[in-house]
Amino acid sequence: VTLAIIPGAGGTQRLPRLIGRARAKELILTGRRIGADEAAR
């Protein structure tokens, strides 16, 4: 989204299935980058 596009190779579908819809939306809609420790958490 920081490049004015959306994940187009499965990101909007696989990420919420893995970490939950709300967390996935936060990451996708902000385009936020996270470190390895947060990714594990």
Full PDB file with SEQRES, HELIX, SHEET, SSBOND, CRYST1, ORIGX, SCALE, CONECT and MASTER records, all heavy atoms in Angstrom:
SEQRES   1 A   41  VAL THR LEU ALA ILE ILE PRO GLY ALA GLY GLY THR GLN          
SEQRES   2 A   41  ARG LEU PRO ARG LEU ILE GLY ARG ALA ARG ALA LYS GLU          
SEQRES   3 A   41  LEU ILE LEU THR GLY ARG ARG ILE GLY ALA ASP GLU ALA          
SEQRES   4 A   41  ALA ARG                                                      
HELIX    1 AA1 GLY A   11  ILE A   19  1                                   9    
HELIX    2 AA2 ARG A   21  THR A   30  1                                  10    
HELIX    3 AA3 ALA A   36  ALA A   40  1                                   5    
CRYST1    1.000    1.000    1.000  90.00  90.00  90.00 P 1           1          
ORIGX1      1.000000  0.000000  0.000000        0.00000                         
ORIGX2      0.000000  1.000000  0.000000        0.00000                         
ORIGX3      0.000000  0.000000  1.000000        0.00000                         
SCALE1      1.000000  0.000000  0.000000        0.00000                         
SCALE2      0.000000  1.000000  0.000000        0.00000                         
SCALE3      0.000000  0.000000  1.000000        0.00000                         
ATOM      1  N   VAL A   1       0.820  -1.216   0.000  1.00  0.00           N  
ATOM      2  CA  VAL A   1       0.000   0.000   0.000  1.00  0.00           C  
ATOM      3  C   VAL A   1       0.852   1.263   0.000  1.00  0.00           C  
ATOM      4  O   VAL A   1       0.390   2.322  -0.431  1.00  0.00           O  
ATOM      5  CB  VAL A   1      -0.985   0.022   1.190  1.00  0.00           C  
ATOM      6  CG1 VAL A   1      -2.021  -1.081   1.058  1.00  0.00           C  
ATOM      7  CG2 VAL A   1      -0.264  -0.034   2.527  1.00  0.00           C  
ATOM      8  N   THR A   2       2.091   1.169   0.445  1.00  0.00           N  
ATOM      9  CA  THR A   2       2.974   2.342   0.410  1.00  0.00           C  
ATOM     10  C   THR A   2       3.375   2.669  -1.025  1.00  0.00           C  
ATOM     11  O   THR A   2       3.884   3.761  -1.289  1.00  0.00           O  
ATOM     12  CB  THR A   2       4.246   2.111   1.253  1.00  0.00           C  
ATOM     13  OG1 THR A   2       5.051   1.083   0.646  1.00  0.00           O  
ATOM     14  CG2 THR A   2       3.882   1.712   2.677  1.00  0.00           C  
ATOM     15  N   LEU A   3       3.136   1.733  -1.936  1.00  0.00           N  
ATOM     16  CA  LEU A   3       3.396   1.952  -3.357  1.00  0.00           C  
ATOM     17  C   LEU A   3       2.089   2.093  -4.134  1.00  0.00           C  
ATOM     18  O   LEU A   3       2.056   1.985  -5.364  1.00  0.00           O  
ATOM     19  CB  LEU A   3       4.213   0.788  -3.927  1.00  0.00           C  
ATOM     20  CG  LEU A   3       5.596   0.582  -3.299  1.00  0.00           C  
ATOM     21  CD1 LEU A   3       6.206  -0.725  -3.774  1.00  0.00           C  
ATOM     22  CD2 LEU A   3       6.506   1.758  -3.629  1.00  0.00           C  
ATOM     23  N   ALA A   4       0.988   2.297  -3.399  1.00  0.00           N  
ATOM     24  CA  ALA A   4      -0.337   2.511  -3.985  1.00  0.00           C  
ATOM     25  C   ALA A   4      -0.866   1.292  -4.727  1.00  0.00           C  
ATOM     26  O   ALA A   4      -1.637   1.418  -5.677  1.00  0.00           O  
ATOM     27  CB  ALA A   4      -0.334   3.735  -4.903  1.00  0.00           C  
ATOM     28  N   ILE A   5      -0.453   0.087  -4.288  1.00  0.00           N  
ATOM     29  CA  ILE A   5      -1.009  -1.163  -4.798  1.00  0.00           C  
ATOM     30  C   ILE A   5      -1.382  -2.027  -3.591  1.00  0.00           C  
ATOM     31  O   ILE A   5      -1.248  -1.584  -2.452  1.00  0.00           O  
ATOM     32  CB  ILE A   5      -0.026  -1.914  -5.728  1.00  0.00           C  
ATOM     33  CG1 ILE A   5       1.313  -2.180  -5.010  1.00  0.00           C  
ATOM     34  CG2 ILE A   5       0.190  -1.148  -7.022  1.00  0.00           C  
ATOM     35  CD1 ILE A   5       2.297  -3.013  -5.819  1.00  0.00           C  
ATOM     36  N   ILE A   6      -1.859  -3.235  -3.831  1.00  0.00           N  
ATOM     37  CA  ILE A   6      -2.163  -4.143  -2.728  1.00  0.00           C  
ATOM     38  C   ILE A   6      -1.377  -5.435  -2.928  1.00  0.00           C  
ATOM     39  O   ILE A   6      -0.899  -5.710  -4.033  1.00  0.00           O  
ATOM     40  CB  ILE A   6      -3.669  -4.461  -2.628  1.00  0.00           C  
ATOM     41  CG1 ILE A   6      -4.116  -5.391  -3.773  1.00  0.00           C  
ATOM     42  CG2 ILE A   6      -4.495  -3.181  -2.609  1.00  0.00           C  
ATOM     43  CD1 ILE A   6      -5.506  -5.974  -3.578  1.00  0.00           C  
ATOM     44  N   PRO A   7      -1.215  -6.243  -1.868  1.00  0.00           N  
ATOM     45  CA  PRO A   7      -0.591  -7.548  -2.065  1.00  0.00           C  
ATOM     46  C   PRO A   7      -1.385  -8.343  -3.101  1.00  0.00           C  
ATOM     47  O   PRO A   7      -2.599  -8.505  -2.966  1.00  0.00           O  
ATOM     48  CB  PRO A   7      -0.682  -8.197  -0.678  1.00  0.00           C  
ATOM     49  CG  PRO A   7      -0.766  -7.041   0.269  1.00  0.00           C  
ATOM     50  CD  PRO A   7      -1.565  -6.006  -0.452  1.00  0.00           C  
ATOM     51  N   GLY A   8      -0.690  -8.799  -4.130  1.00  0.00           N  
ATOM     52  CA  GLY A   8      -1.387  -9.469  -5.228  1.00  0.00           C  
ATOM     53  C   GLY A   8      -0.956 -10.895  -5.455  1.00  0.00           C  
ATOM     54  O   GLY A   8      -1.335 -11.503  -6.456  1.00  0.00           O  
ATOM     55  N   ALA A   9      -0.161 -11.441  -4.534  1.00  0.00           N  
ATOM     56  CA  ALA A   9       0.323 -12.813  -4.694  1.00  0.00           C  
ATOM     57  C   ALA A   9      -0.035 -13.657  -3.482  1.00  0.00           C  
ATOM     58  O   ALA A   9       0.733 -14.496  -3.041  1.00  0.00           O  
ATOM     59  CB  ALA A   9       1.829 -12.814  -4.933  1.00  0.00           C  
ATOM     60  N   GLY A  10      -1.219 -13.390  -2.929  1.00  0.00           N  
ATOM     61  CA  GLY A  10      -1.712 -14.212  -1.834  1.00  0.00           C  
ATOM     62  C   GLY A  10      -1.625 -13.599  -0.460  1.00  0.00           C  
ATOM     63  O   GLY A  10      -2.125 -14.181   0.510  1.00  0.00           O  
ATOM     64  N   GLY A  11      -1.009 -12.442  -0.330  1.00  0.00           N  
ATOM     65  CA  GLY A  11      -0.801 -11.857   0.987  1.00  0.00           C  
ATOM     66  C   GLY A  11      -2.079 -11.545   1.743  1.00  0.00           C  
ATOM     67  O   GLY A  11      -2.164 -11.759   2.957  1.00  0.00           O  
ATOM     68  N   THR A  12      -3.098 -11.040   1.035  1.00  0.00           N  
ATOM     69  CA  THR A  12      -4.347 -10.692   1.725  1.00  0.00           C  
ATOM     70  C   THR A  12      -5.125 -11.930   2.156  1.00  0.00           C  
ATOM     71  O   THR A  12      -6.049 -11.820   2.973  1.00  0.00           O  
ATOM     72  CB  THR A  12      -5.266  -9.832   0.829  1.00  0.00           C  
ATOM     73  OG1 THR A  12      -5.693 -10.614  -0.304  1.00  0.00           O  
ATOM     74  CG2 THR A  12      -4.558  -8.569   0.362  1.00  0.00           C  
ATOM     75  N   GLN A  13      -4.778 -13.084   1.635  1.00  0.00           N  
ATOM     76  CA  GLN A  13      -5.489 -14.312   1.975  1.00  0.00           C  
ATOM     77  C   GLN A  13      -4.700 -15.194   2.948  1.00  0.00           C  
ATOM     78  O   GLN A  13      -5.259 -15.738   3.903  1.00  0.00           O  
ATOM     79  CB  GLN A  13      -5.800 -15.111   0.700  1.00  0.00           C  
ATOM     80  CG  GLN A  13      -6.626 -14.330  -0.310  1.00  0.00           C  
ATOM     81  CD  GLN A  13      -7.906 -13.783   0.311  1.00  0.00           C  
ATOM     82  OE1 GLN A  13      -8.718 -14.541   0.852  1.00  0.00           O  
ATOM     83  NE2 GLN A  13      -8.098 -12.464   0.233  1.00  0.00           N  
ATOM     84  N   ARG A  14      -3.406 -15.328   2.722  1.00  0.00           N  
ATOM     85  CA  ARG A  14      -2.624 -16.230   3.575  1.00  0.00           C  
ATOM     86  C   ARG A  14      -2.295 -15.604   4.927  1.00  0.00           C  
ATOM     87  O   ARG A  14      -2.275 -16.299   5.940  1.00  0.00           O  
ATOM     88  CB  ARG A  14      -1.335 -16.648   2.843  1.00  0.00           C  
ATOM     89  CG  ARG A  14      -1.597 -17.551   1.651  1.00  0.00           C  
ATOM     90  CD  ARG A  14      -0.324 -18.153   1.064  1.00  0.00           C  
ATOM     91  NE  ARG A  14      -0.654 -19.057  -0.044  1.00  0.00           N  
ATOM     92  CZ  ARG A  14      -0.580 -18.737  -1.333  1.00  0.00           C  
ATOM     93  NH1 ARG A  14      -0.147 -17.527  -1.684  1.00  0.00           N  
ATOM     94  NH2 ARG A  14      -0.929 -19.608  -2.256  1.00  0.00           N  
ATOM     95  N   LEU A  15      -2.012 -14.299   4.959  1.00  0.00           N  
ATOM     96  CA  LEU A  15      -1.633 -13.687   6.234  1.00  0.00           C  
ATOM     97  C   LEU A  15      -2.767 -13.758   7.262  1.00  0.00           C  
ATOM     98  O   LEU A  15      -2.528 -14.182   8.401  1.00  0.00           O  
ATOM     99  CB  LEU A  15      -1.167 -12.245   6.027  1.00  0.00           C  
ATOM    100  CG  LEU A  15      -0.612 -11.572   7.289  1.00  0.00           C  
ATOM    101  CD1 LEU A  15       0.638 -12.295   7.794  1.00  0.00           C  
ATOM    102  CD2 LEU A  15      -0.297 -10.094   7.033  1.00  0.00           C  
ATOM    103  N   PRO A  16      -4.011 -13.376   6.938  1.00  0.00           N  
ATOM    104  CA  PRO A  16      -5.064 -13.480   7.951  1.00  0.00           C  
ATOM    105  C   PRO A  16      -5.351 -14.913   8.378  1.00  0.00           C  
ATOM    106  O   PRO A  16      -5.722 -15.154   9.534  1.00  0.00           O  
ATOM    107  CB  PRO A  16      -6.287 -12.847   7.273  1.00  0.00           C  
ATOM    108  CG  PRO A  16      -5.976 -12.799   5.829  1.00  0.00           C  
ATOM    109  CD  PRO A  16      -4.493 -12.688   5.720  1.00  0.00           C  
ATOM    110  N   ARG A  17      -5.156 -15.869   7.487  1.00  0.00           N  
ATOM    111  CA  ARG A  17      -5.352 -17.264   7.860  1.00  0.00           C  
ATOM    112  C   ARG A  17      -4.277 -17.729   8.848  1.00  0.00           C  
ATOM    113  O   ARG A  17      -4.504 -18.656   9.621  1.00  0.00           O  
ATOM    114  CB  ARG A  17      -5.344 -18.152   6.618  1.00  0.00           C  
ATOM    115  CG  ARG A  17      -6.640 -18.114   5.810  1.00  0.00           C  
ATOM    116  CD  ARG A  17      -6.476 -18.790   4.455  1.00  0.00           C  
ATOM    117  NE  ARG A  17      -7.741 -19.037   3.782  1.00  0.00           N  
ATOM    118  CZ  ARG A  17      -8.449 -18.136   3.129  1.00  0.00           C  
ATOM    119  NH1 ARG A  17      -8.019 -16.878   3.090  1.00  0.00           N  
ATOM    120  NH2 ARG A  17      -9.583 -18.458   2.529  1.00  0.00           N  
ATOM    121  N   LEU A  18      -3.135 -17.065   8.802  1.00  0.00           N  
ATOM    122  CA  LEU A  18      -2.030 -17.459   9.672  1.00  0.00           C  
ATOM    123  C   LEU A  18      -2.063 -16.744  11.018  1.00  0.00           C  
ATOM    124  O   LEU A  18      -1.870 -17.369  12.060  1.00  0.00           O  
ATOM    125  CB  LEU A  18      -0.691 -17.186   8.965  1.00  0.00           C  
ATOM    126  CG  LEU A  18       0.575 -17.629   9.698  1.00  0.00           C  
ATOM    127  CD1 LEU A  18       0.605 -19.154   9.831  1.00  0.00           C  
ATOM    128  CD2 LEU A  18       1.818 -17.133   8.952  1.00  0.00           C  
ATOM    129  N   ILE A  19      -2.310 -15.435  11.010  1.00  0.00           N  
ATOM    130  CA  ILE A  19      -2.187 -14.659  12.248  1.00  0.00           C  
ATOM    131  C   ILE A  19      -3.499 -14.032  12.705  1.00  0.00           C  
ATOM    132  O   ILE A  19      -3.532 -13.364  13.735  1.00  0.00           O  
ATOM    133  CB  ILE A  19      -1.110 -13.554  12.120  1.00  0.00           C  
ATOM    134  CG1 ILE A  19      -1.520 -12.481  11.111  1.00  0.00           C  
ATOM    135  CG2 ILE A  19       0.236 -14.166  11.734  1.00  0.00           C  
ATOM    136  CD1 ILE A  19      -0.608 -11.265  11.110  1.00  0.00           C  
ATOM    137  N   GLY A  20      -4.568 -14.230  11.960  1.00  0.00           N  
ATOM    138  CA  GLY A  20      -5.847 -13.638  12.324  1.00  0.00           C  
ATOM    139  C   GLY A  20      -6.150 -12.391  11.504  1.00  0.00           C  
ATOM    140  O   GLY A  20      -5.247 -11.670  11.069  1.00  0.00           O  
ATOM    141  N   ARG A  21      -7.425 -12.129  11.306  1.00  0.00           N  
ATOM    142  CA  ARG A  21      -7.854 -11.061  10.402  1.00  0.00           C  
ATOM    143  C   ARG A  21      -7.451  -9.670  10.895  1.00  0.00           C  
ATOM    144  O   ARG A  21      -6.950  -8.850  10.120  1.00  0.00           O  
ATOM    145  CB  ARG A  21      -9.366 -11.138  10.209  1.00  0.00           C  
ATOM    146  CG  ARG A  21      -9.892 -10.186   9.146  1.00  0.00           C  
ATOM    147  CD  ARG A  21     -11.398 -10.317   8.970  1.00  0.00           C  
ATOM    148  NE  ARG A  21     -11.763 -11.662   8.566  1.00  0.00           N  
ATOM    149  CZ  ARG A  21     -13.017 -12.029   8.286  1.00  0.00           C  
ATOM    150  NH1 ARG A  21     -14.009 -11.139   8.397  1.00  0.00           N  
ATOM    151  NH2 ARG A  21     -13.293 -13.268   7.917  1.00  0.00           N  
ATOM    152  N   ALA A  22      -7.650  -9.391  12.175  1.00  0.00           N  
ATOM    153  CA  ALA A  22      -7.383  -8.036  12.672  1.00  0.00           C  
ATOM    154  C   ALA A  22      -5.900  -7.689  12.593  1.00  0.00           C  
ATOM    155  O   ALA A  22      -5.523  -6.603  12.135  1.00  0.00           O  
ATOM    156  CB  ALA A  22      -7.891  -7.900  14.105  1.00  0.00           C  
ATOM    157  N   ARG A  23      -5.039  -8.600  13.047  1.00  0.00           N  
ATOM    158  CA  ARG A  23      -3.599  -8.339  12.972  1.00  0.00           C  
ATOM    159  C   ARG A  23      -3.153  -8.198  11.520  1.00  0.00           C  
ATOM    160  O   ARG A  23      -2.324  -7.343  11.195  1.00  0.00           O  
ATOM    161  CB  ARG A  23      -2.811  -9.467  13.642  1.00  0.00           C  
ATOM    162  CG  ARG A  23      -2.873  -9.477  15.161  1.00  0.00           C  
ATOM    163  CD  ARG A  23      -1.889 -10.498  15.699  1.00  0.00           C  
ATOM    164  NE  ARG A  23      -1.979 -10.658  17.138  1.00  0.00           N  
ATOM    165  CZ  ARG A  23      -1.374  -9.877  18.017  1.00  0.00           C  
ATOM    166  NH1 ARG A  23      -0.650  -8.854  17.593  1.00  0.00           N  
ATOM    167  NH2 ARG A  23      -1.497 -10.094  19.313  1.00  0.00           N  
ATOM    168  N   ALA A  24      -3.693  -9.046  10.658  1.00  0.00           N  
ATOM    169  CA  ALA A  24      -3.307  -8.988   9.249  1.00  0.00           C  
ATOM    170  C   ALA A  24      -3.729  -7.662   8.627  1.00  0.00           C  
ATOM    171  O   ALA A  24      -2.959  -7.040   7.880  1.00  0.00           O  
ATOM    172  CB  ALA A  24      -3.927 -10.162   8.488  1.00  0.00           C  
ATOM    173  N   LYS A  25      -4.937  -7.211   8.940  1.00  0.00           N  
ATOM    174  CA  LYS A  25      -5.391  -5.927   8.399  1.00  0.00           C  
ATOM    175  C   LYS A  25      -4.483  -4.788   8.856  1.00  0.00           C  
ATOM    176  O   LYS A  25      -4.153  -3.890   8.073  1.00  0.00           O  
ATOM    177  CB  LYS A  25      -6.828  -5.649   8.832  1.00  0.00           C  
ATOM    178  CG  LYS A  25      -7.869  -6.404   8.030  1.00  0.00           C  
ATOM    179  CD  LYS A  25      -9.266  -6.007   8.481  1.00  0.00           C  
ATOM    180  CE  LYS A  25     -10.332  -6.685   7.640  1.00  0.00           C  
ATOM    181  NZ  LYS A  25     -11.696  -6.312   8.081  1.00  0.00           N  
ATOM    182  N   GLU A  26      -4.106  -4.820  10.119  1.00  0.00           N  
ATOM    183  CA  GLU A  26      -3.233  -3.748  10.626  1.00  0.00           C  
ATOM    184  C   GLU A  26      -1.922  -3.700   9.845  1.00  0.00           C  
ATOM    185  O   GLU A  26      -1.461  -2.625   9.452  1.00  0.00           O  
ATOM    186  CB  GLU A  26      -2.973  -3.960  12.114  1.00  0.00           C  
ATOM    187  CG  GLU A  26      -2.245  -2.811  12.803  1.00  0.00           C  
ATOM    188  CD  GLU A  26      -0.729  -2.983  12.820  1.00  0.00           C  
ATOM    189  OE1 GLU A  26      -0.270  -4.137  12.881  1.00  0.00           O  
ATOM    190  OE2 GLU A  26      -0.016  -1.959  12.745  1.00  0.00           O  
ATOM    191  N   LEU A  27      -1.327  -4.859   9.607  1.00  0.00           N  
ATOM    192  CA  LEU A  27      -0.062  -4.886   8.890  1.00  0.00           C  
ATOM    193  C   LEU A  27      -0.230  -4.519   7.420  1.00  0.00           C  
ATOM    194  O   LEU A  27       0.573  -3.770   6.848  1.00  0.00           O  
ATOM    195  CB  LEU A  27       0.582  -6.278   9.008  1.00  0.00           C  
ATOM    196  CG  LEU A  27       1.090  -6.657  10.397  1.00  0.00           C  
ATOM    197  CD1 LEU A  27       1.648  -8.075  10.381  1.00  0.00           C  
ATOM    198  CD2 LEU A  27       2.156  -5.675  10.878  1.00  0.00           C  
ATOM    199  N   ILE A  28      -1.282  -5.024   6.794  1.00  0.00           N  
ATOM    200  CA  ILE A  28      -1.492  -4.767   5.364  1.00  0.00           C  
ATOM    201  C   ILE A  28      -1.892  -3.320   5.110  1.00  0.00           C  
ATOM    202  O   ILE A  28      -1.384  -2.669   4.188  1.00  0.00           O  
ATOM    203  CB  ILE A  28      -2.553  -5.732   4.797  1.00  0.00           C  
ATOM    204  CG1 ILE A  28      -2.012  -7.170   4.786  1.00  0.00           C  
ATOM    205  CG2 ILE A  28      -2.977  -5.318   3.390  1.00  0.00           C  
ATOM    206  CD1 ILE A  28      -3.053  -8.224   4.499  1.00  0.00           C  
ATOM    207  N   LEU A  29      -2.794  -2.777   5.930  1.00  0.00           N  
ATOM    208  CA  LEU A  29      -3.322  -1.435   5.679  1.00  0.00           C  
ATOM    209  C   LEU A  29      -2.341  -0.333   6.045  1.00  0.00           C  
ATOM    210  O   LEU A  29      -2.409   0.773   5.488  1.00  0.00           O  
ATOM    211  CB  LEU A  29      -4.633  -1.248   6.428  1.00  0.00           C  
ATOM    212  CG  LEU A  29      -5.762  -2.223   6.039  1.00  0.00           C  
ATOM    213  CD1 LEU A  29      -7.022  -1.935   6.844  1.00  0.00           C  
ATOM    214  CD2 LEU A  29      -6.037  -2.174   4.549  1.00  0.00           C  
ATOM    215  N   THR A  30      -1.433  -0.614   6.975  1.00  0.00           N  
ATOM    216  CA  THR A  30      -0.409   0.386   7.314  1.00  0.00           C  
ATOM    217  C   THR A  30       0.861   0.199   6.494  1.00  0.00           C  
ATOM    218  O   THR A  30       1.644   1.144   6.350  1.00  0.00           O  
ATOM    219  CB  THR A  30      -0.028   0.300   8.807  1.00  0.00           C  
ATOM    220  OG1 THR A  30       0.552  -0.978   9.070  1.00  0.00           O  
ATOM    221  CG2 THR A  30      -1.241   0.530   9.694  1.00  0.00           C  
ATOM    222  N   GLY A  31       1.072  -1.004   5.968  1.00  0.00           N  
ATOM    223  CA  GLY A  31       2.326  -1.296   5.283  1.00  0.00           C  
ATOM    224  C   GLY A  31       3.493  -1.354   6.248  1.00  0.00           C  
ATOM    225  O   GLY A  31       4.651  -1.239   5.859  1.00  0.00           O  
ATOM    226  N   ARG A  32       3.194  -1.570   7.537  1.00  0.00           N  
ATOM    227  CA  ARG A  32       4.218  -1.526   8.572  1.00  0.00           C  
ATOM    228  C   ARG A  32       5.190  -2.695   8.463  1.00  0.00           C  
ATOM    229  O   ARG A  32       4.803  -3.820   8.161  1.00  0.00           O  
ATOM    230  CB  ARG A  32       3.557  -1.527   9.965  1.00  0.00           C  
ATOM    231  CG  ARG A  32       4.504  -1.325  11.127  1.00  0.00           C  
ATOM    232  CD  ARG A  32       3.742  -1.002  12.401  1.00  0.00           C  
ATOM    233  NE  ARG A  32       2.935  -2.108  12.888  1.00  0.00           N  
ATOM    234  CZ  ARG A  32       3.396  -3.070  13.689  1.00  0.00           C  
ATOM    235  NH1 ARG A  32       4.669  -3.066  14.078  1.00  0.00           N  
ATOM    236  NH2 ARG A  32       2.603  -4.041  14.099  1.00  0.00           N  
ATOM    237  N   ARG A  33       6.443  -2.421   8.743  1.00  0.00           N  
ATOM    238  CA  ARG A  33       7.479  -3.441   8.761  1.00  0.00           C  
ATOM    239  C   ARG A  33       7.736  -3.872  10.197  1.00  0.00           C  
ATOM    240  O   ARG A  33       7.760  -3.037  11.096  1.00  0.00           O  
ATOM    241  CB  ARG A  33       8.772  -2.895   8.138  1.00  0.00           C  
ATOM    242  CG  ARG A  33       8.573  -2.368   6.724  1.00  0.00           C  
ATOM    243  CD  ARG A  33       9.817  -1.703   6.164  1.00  0.00           C  
ATOM    244  NE  ARG A  33       9.589  -1.191   4.820  1.00  0.00           N  
ATOM    245  CZ  ARG A  33      10.545  -0.745   4.013  1.00  0.00           C  
ATOM    246  NH1 ARG A  33      11.810  -0.737   4.443  1.00  0.00           N  
ATOM    247  NH2 ARG A  33      10.260  -0.308   2.807  1.00  0.00           N  
ATOM    248  N   ILE A  34       7.920  -5.172  10.393  1.00  0.00           N  
ATOM    249  CA  ILE A  34       8.126  -5.672  11.750  1.00  0.00           C  
ATOM    250  C   ILE A  34       9.404  -6.507  11.812  1.00  0.00           C  
ATOM    251  O   ILE A  34       9.825  -7.105  10.827  1.00  0.00           O  
ATOM    252  CB  ILE A  34       6.927  -6.503  12.244  1.00  0.00           C  
ATOM    253  CG1 ILE A  34       6.727  -7.748  11.370  1.00  0.00           C  
ATOM    254  CG2 ILE A  34       5.667  -5.656  12.269  1.00  0.00           C  
ATOM    255  CD1 ILE A  34       5.655  -8.684  11.902  1.00  0.00           C  
ATOM    256  N   GLY A  35      10.010  -6.522  12.987  1.00  0.00           N  
ATOM    257  CA  GLY A  35      11.209  -7.312  13.198  1.00  0.00           C  
ATOM    258  C   GLY A  35      10.887  -8.766  13.463  1.00  0.00           C  
ATOM    259  O   GLY A  35       9.735  -9.162  13.639  1.00  0.00           O  
ATOM    260  N   ALA A  36      11.936  -9.574  13.513  1.00  0.00           N  
ATOM    261  CA  ALA A  36      11.772 -11.013  13.672  1.00  0.00           C  
ATOM    262  C   ALA A  36      11.089 -11.371  14.989  1.00  0.00           C  
ATOM    263  O   ALA A  36      10.240 -12.270  15.029  1.00  0.00           O  
ATOM    264  CB  ALA A  36      13.137 -11.700  13.583  1.00  0.00           C  
ATOM    265  N   ASP A  37      11.423 -10.678  16.064  1.00  0.00           N  
ATOM    266  CA  ASP A  37      10.832 -11.016  17.365  1.00  0.00           C  
ATOM    267  C   ASP A  37       9.329 -10.758  17.377  1.00  0.00           C  
ATOM    268  O   ASP A  37       8.556 -11.570  17.899  1.00  0.00           O  
ATOM    269  CB  ASP A  37      11.516 -10.236  18.484  1.00  0.00           C  
ATOM    270  CG  ASP A  37      12.926 -10.737  18.763  1.00  0.00           C  
ATOM    271  OD1 ASP A  37      13.215 -11.899  18.424  1.00  0.00           O  
ATOM    272  OD2 ASP A  37      13.736  -9.959  19.312  1.00  0.00           O  
ATOM    273  N   GLU A  38       8.897  -9.633  16.805  1.00  0.00           N  
ATOM    274  CA  GLU A  38       7.460  -9.367  16.736  1.00  0.00           C  
ATOM    275  C   GLU A  38       6.777 -10.374  15.820  1.00  0.00           C  
ATOM    276  O   GLU A  38       5.674 -10.848  16.107  1.00  0.00           O  
ATOM    277  CB  GLU A  38       7.180  -7.943  16.248  1.00  0.00           C  
ATOM    278  CG  GLU A  38       5.686  -7.635  16.210  1.00  0.00           C  
ATOM    279  CD  GLU A  38       5.358  -6.193  15.837  1.00  0.00           C  
ATOM    280  OE1 GLU A  38       6.299  -5.391  15.670  1.00  0.00           O  
ATOM    281  OE2 GLU A  38       4.154  -5.878  15.702  1.00  0.00           O  
ATOM    282  N   ALA A  39       7.449 -10.716  14.713  1.00  0.00           N  
ATOM    283  CA  ALA A  39       6.887 -11.713  13.798  1.00  0.00           C  
ATOM    284  C   ALA A  39       6.665 -13.040  14.513  1.00  0.00           C  
ATOM    285  O   ALA A  39       5.653 -13.716  14.307  1.00  0.00           O  
ATOM    286  CB  ALA A  39       7.805 -11.905  12.592  1.00  0.00           C  
ATOM    287  N   ALA A  40       7.598 -13.422  15.387  1.00  0.00           N  
ATOM    288  CA  ALA A  40       7.446 -14.655  16.153  1.00  0.00           C  
ATOM    289  C   ALA A  40       6.315 -14.527  17.169  1.00  0.00           C  
ATOM    290  O   ALA A  40       5.541 -15.464  17.387  1.00  0.00           O  
ATOM    291  CB  ALA A  40       8.752 -15.007  16.850  1.00  0.00           C  
ATOM    292  N   ARG A  41       6.209 -13.361  17.777  1.00  0.00           N  
ATOM    293  CA  ARG A  41       5.194 -13.159  18.819  1.00  0.00           C  
ATOM    294  C   ARG A  41       3.783 -13.279  18.259  1.00  0.00           C  
ATOM    295  O   ARG A  41       2.877 -13.792  18.930  1.00  0.00           O  
ATOM    296  CB  ARG A  41       5.394 -11.792  19.473  1.00  0.00           C  
ATOM    297  CG  ARG A  41       4.510 -11.572  20.692  1.00  0.00           C  
ATOM    298  CD  ARG A  41       4.938 -10.346  21.478  1.00  0.00           C  
ATOM    299  NE  ARG A  41       4.770  -9.099  20.740  1.00  0.00           N  
ATOM    300  CZ  ARG A  41       5.747  -8.364  20.248  1.00  0.00           C  
ATOM    301  NH1 ARG A  41       7.011  -8.760  20.408  1.00  0.00           N  
ATOM    302  NH2 ARG A  41       5.506  -7.243  19.599  1.00  0.00           N  
TER     303      ARG A  41                                                      
MASTER        0    0    0    3    0    0    0    6  302    1    0    4          
END                                                                             
